[in-house]
């Protein structure tokens, strides 16, 4: 994955293009998904507390410090950390943080309409587009805070 990102980094940085769809997608009503929020958050906290001791990326970036009980993990922070993890080529640290972002997102959208949840996802995409300039930072320098 990181090799492909590195290979295509100039395109990622410089190009945005629409890819034409071949065929069509049948419109279906998406069923509600039941998520055990407490278990999801508990697993993230456990993995994060362990990971911050052993994972180079998490030790260096300390995205939540030692305080994760009142998890605040908005879209901009997630996009920022994804690019930092890519730069350090750390899939395990990214996996742990994804669990936290997912747990936060589930909690964030639980009382929202589908349209409001989609707006949050669109906002997430905007942050990824804004931060994609970091693709040029794929060198061996230390990550920037």
Protein backbone atom coordinates (compact mmCIF):
# COMPACT_ATOMS: atom_id res chain seq x y z
CA UNK A 1 0.00 0.00 0.00
CA UNK A 2 2.71 2.48 0.96
CA UNK A 3 4.73 1.59 -2.14
CA UNK A 4 1.73 2.41 -4.33
CA UNK A 5 1.12 5.69 -2.52
CA UNK A 6 4.78 6.57 -2.96
CA UNK A 7 4.70 5.56 -6.64
CA UNK A 8 1.61 7.70 -7.35
CA UNK A 9 2.40 10.56 -4.98
CA UNK A 10 2.85 13.15 -7.74
CA UNK A 11 -0.51 12.28 -9.24
CA UNK A 12 -2.16 12.27 -5.83
CA UNK A 13 -0.68 15.68 -5.15
CA UNK A 14 -1.31 17.27 -8.55
CA UNK A 15 -4.39 15.65 -10.05
CA UNK A 16 -8.03 15.39 -9.26
CA UNK A 17 -9.98 13.69 -11.96
CA UNK A 18 -13.33 12.08 -12.26
CA UNK A 19 -13.33 8.46 -13.31
CA UNK A 20 -16.21 7.52 -15.60
CA UNK A 21 -18.48 4.81 -14.24
CA UNK A 22 -18.98 1.75 -16.39
CA UNK A 23 -22.44 0.28 -15.96
CA UNK A 24 -24.90 1.31 -13.30
CA UNK A 25 -25.45 0.75 -9.63
CA UNK A 26 -28.83 -0.39 -8.43
CA UNK A 27 -30.28 1.99 -5.85
CA UNK A 28 -31.01 0.09 -2.66
CA UNK A 29 -32.08 1.12 0.76
CA UNK A 30 -29.15 0.57 3.07
CA UNK A 31 -30.12 -1.31 6.21
CA UNK A 32 -29.24 0.13 9.59
CA UNK A 33 -26.10 -1.34 11.11
CA UNK A 34 -25.98 -2.17 14.77
CA UNK A 35 -22.66 -1.22 16.34
CA UNK A 36 -21.56 -1.94 19.89
CA UNK A 37 -20.21 1.55 20.59
CA UNK A 38 -18.93 0.77 24.05
CA UNK A 39 -17.02 -2.30 22.88
CA UNK A 40 -15.64 -0.42 19.89
CA UNK A 41 -14.40 2.43 22.08
CA UNK A 42 -13.08 0.06 24.73
CA UNK A 43 -11.07 -1.91 22.14
CA UNK A 44 -9.64 1.29 20.72
CA UNK A 45 -8.58 2.59 24.13
CA UNK A 46 -6.90 -0.72 24.96
CA UNK A 47 -5.04 -0.84 21.63
CA UNK A 48 -4.07 2.83 21.84
CA UNK A 49 -2.71 2.55 25.39
CA UNK A 50 -0.61 -0.44 24.33
CA UNK A 51 0.36 1.08 20.98
CA UNK A 52 1.57 4.37 22.45
CA UNK A 53 4.19 2.35 24.35
CA UNK A 54 5.41 0.23 21.43
CA UNK A 55 4.43 1.80 18.10
CA UNK A 56 6.97 4.30 16.74
CA UNK A 57 4.38 6.49 15.00
CA UNK A 58 2.03 6.65 17.99
CA UNK A 59 4.93 7.29 20.39
CA UNK A 60 6.16 10.13 18.18
CA UNK A 61 2.84 11.78 17.33
CA UNK A 62 0.99 11.15 20.63
CA UNK A 63 -2.30 12.20 19.01
CA UNK A 64 -4.27 12.04 22.26
CA UNK A 65 -1.47 12.07 24.78
CA UNK A 66 -2.33 9.75 27.62
CA UNK A 67 -5.88 11.12 27.86
CA UNK A 68 -8.33 9.26 25.67
CA UNK A 69 -11.27 8.92 28.05
CA UNK A 70 -13.14 11.83 26.44
CA UNK A 71 -12.16 10.99 22.90
CA UNK A 72 -12.36 13.94 20.50
CA UNK A 73 -11.34 12.83 17.01
CA UNK A 74 -12.71 15.22 14.36
CA UNK A 75 -12.23 14.92 10.61
CA UNK A 76 -9.29 17.31 10.36
CA UNK A 77 -7.30 15.50 13.02
CA UNK A 78 -7.94 12.15 11.31
CA UNK A 79 -6.81 13.44 7.89
CA UNK A 80 -3.71 14.98 9.44
CA UNK A 81 -2.78 11.74 11.20
CA UNK A 82 -3.41 9.60 8.11
CA UNK A 83 -0.85 11.57 6.12
CA UNK A 84 1.64 11.45 8.98
CA UNK A 85 1.20 7.67 9.25
CA UNK A 86 1.64 7.34 5.49
CA UNK A 87 4.82 9.37 5.69
CA UNK A 88 6.18 7.03 8.36
CA UNK A 89 4.81 3.99 6.51
CA UNK A 90 3.12 2.77 9.66
CA UNK A 91 0.07 0.69 8.88
CA UNK A 92 -0.32 -0.66 12.41
CA UNK A 93 -0.45 2.81 13.96
CA UNK A 94 -2.93 3.84 11.29
CA UNK A 95 -5.05 0.75 12.03
CA UNK A 96 -5.23 1.65 15.71
CA UNK A 97 -6.16 5.25 14.95
CA UNK A 98 -8.78 4.13 12.43
CA UNK A 99 -10.52 2.25 15.26
CA UNK A 100 -10.66 5.48 17.25
CA UNK A 101 -11.91 7.52 14.31
CA UNK A 102 -14.58 4.91 13.58
CA UNK A 103 -15.71 4.83 17.22
CA UNK A 104 -15.87 8.64 17.26
CA UNK A 105 -17.77 8.74 13.95
CA UNK A 106 -20.34 6.20 15.18
CA UNK A 107 -20.94 8.29 18.29
CA UNK A 108 -20.99 11.50 16.23
CA UNK A 109 -23.68 10.34 13.80
CA UNK A 110 -25.88 8.16 16.01
CA UNK A 111 -28.61 10.82 16.28
CA UNK A 112 -28.14 12.36 12.84
CA UNK A 113 -30.02 11.80 9.63
CA UNK A 114 -28.39 9.96 6.75
CA UNK A 115 -27.94 13.31 4.98
CA UNK A 116 -26.19 14.83 8.01
CA UNK A 117 -23.91 11.78 8.29
CA UNK A 118 -23.04 12.09 4.60
CA UNK A 119 -22.18 15.77 5.15
CA UNK A 120 -19.66 14.72 7.79
CA UNK A 121 -18.12 12.28 5.32
CA UNK A 122 -17.99 15.02 2.66
CA UNK A 123 -16.26 17.29 5.17
CA UNK A 124 -13.77 14.48 5.81
CA UNK A 125 -13.03 14.32 2.08
CA UNK A 126 -12.43 18.08 2.03
CA UNK A 127 -9.79 17.71 4.74
CA UNK A 128 -8.08 14.91 2.84
CA UNK A 129 -8.02 17.11 -0.26
CA UNK A 130 -6.67 20.03 1.77
CA UNK A 131 -3.91 17.95 3.39
CA UNK A 132 -2.89 15.95 0.33
CA UNK A 133 0.01 18.35 -0.23
CA UNK A 134 1.75 16.30 2.44
CA UNK A 135 2.31 13.59 -0.15
CA UNK A 136 5.44 15.47 -1.14
CA UNK A 137 6.76 14.90 2.38
CA UNK A 138 7.45 11.19 1.81
CA UNK A 139 11.07 11.38 2.76
CA UNK A 140 12.93 10.31 5.87
CA UNK A 141 12.49 13.52 7.82
CA UNK A 142 10.83 13.34 11.20
CA UNK A 143 7.10 13.96 11.24
CA UNK A 144 6.01 17.48 11.94
CA UNK A 145 3.60 18.25 14.76
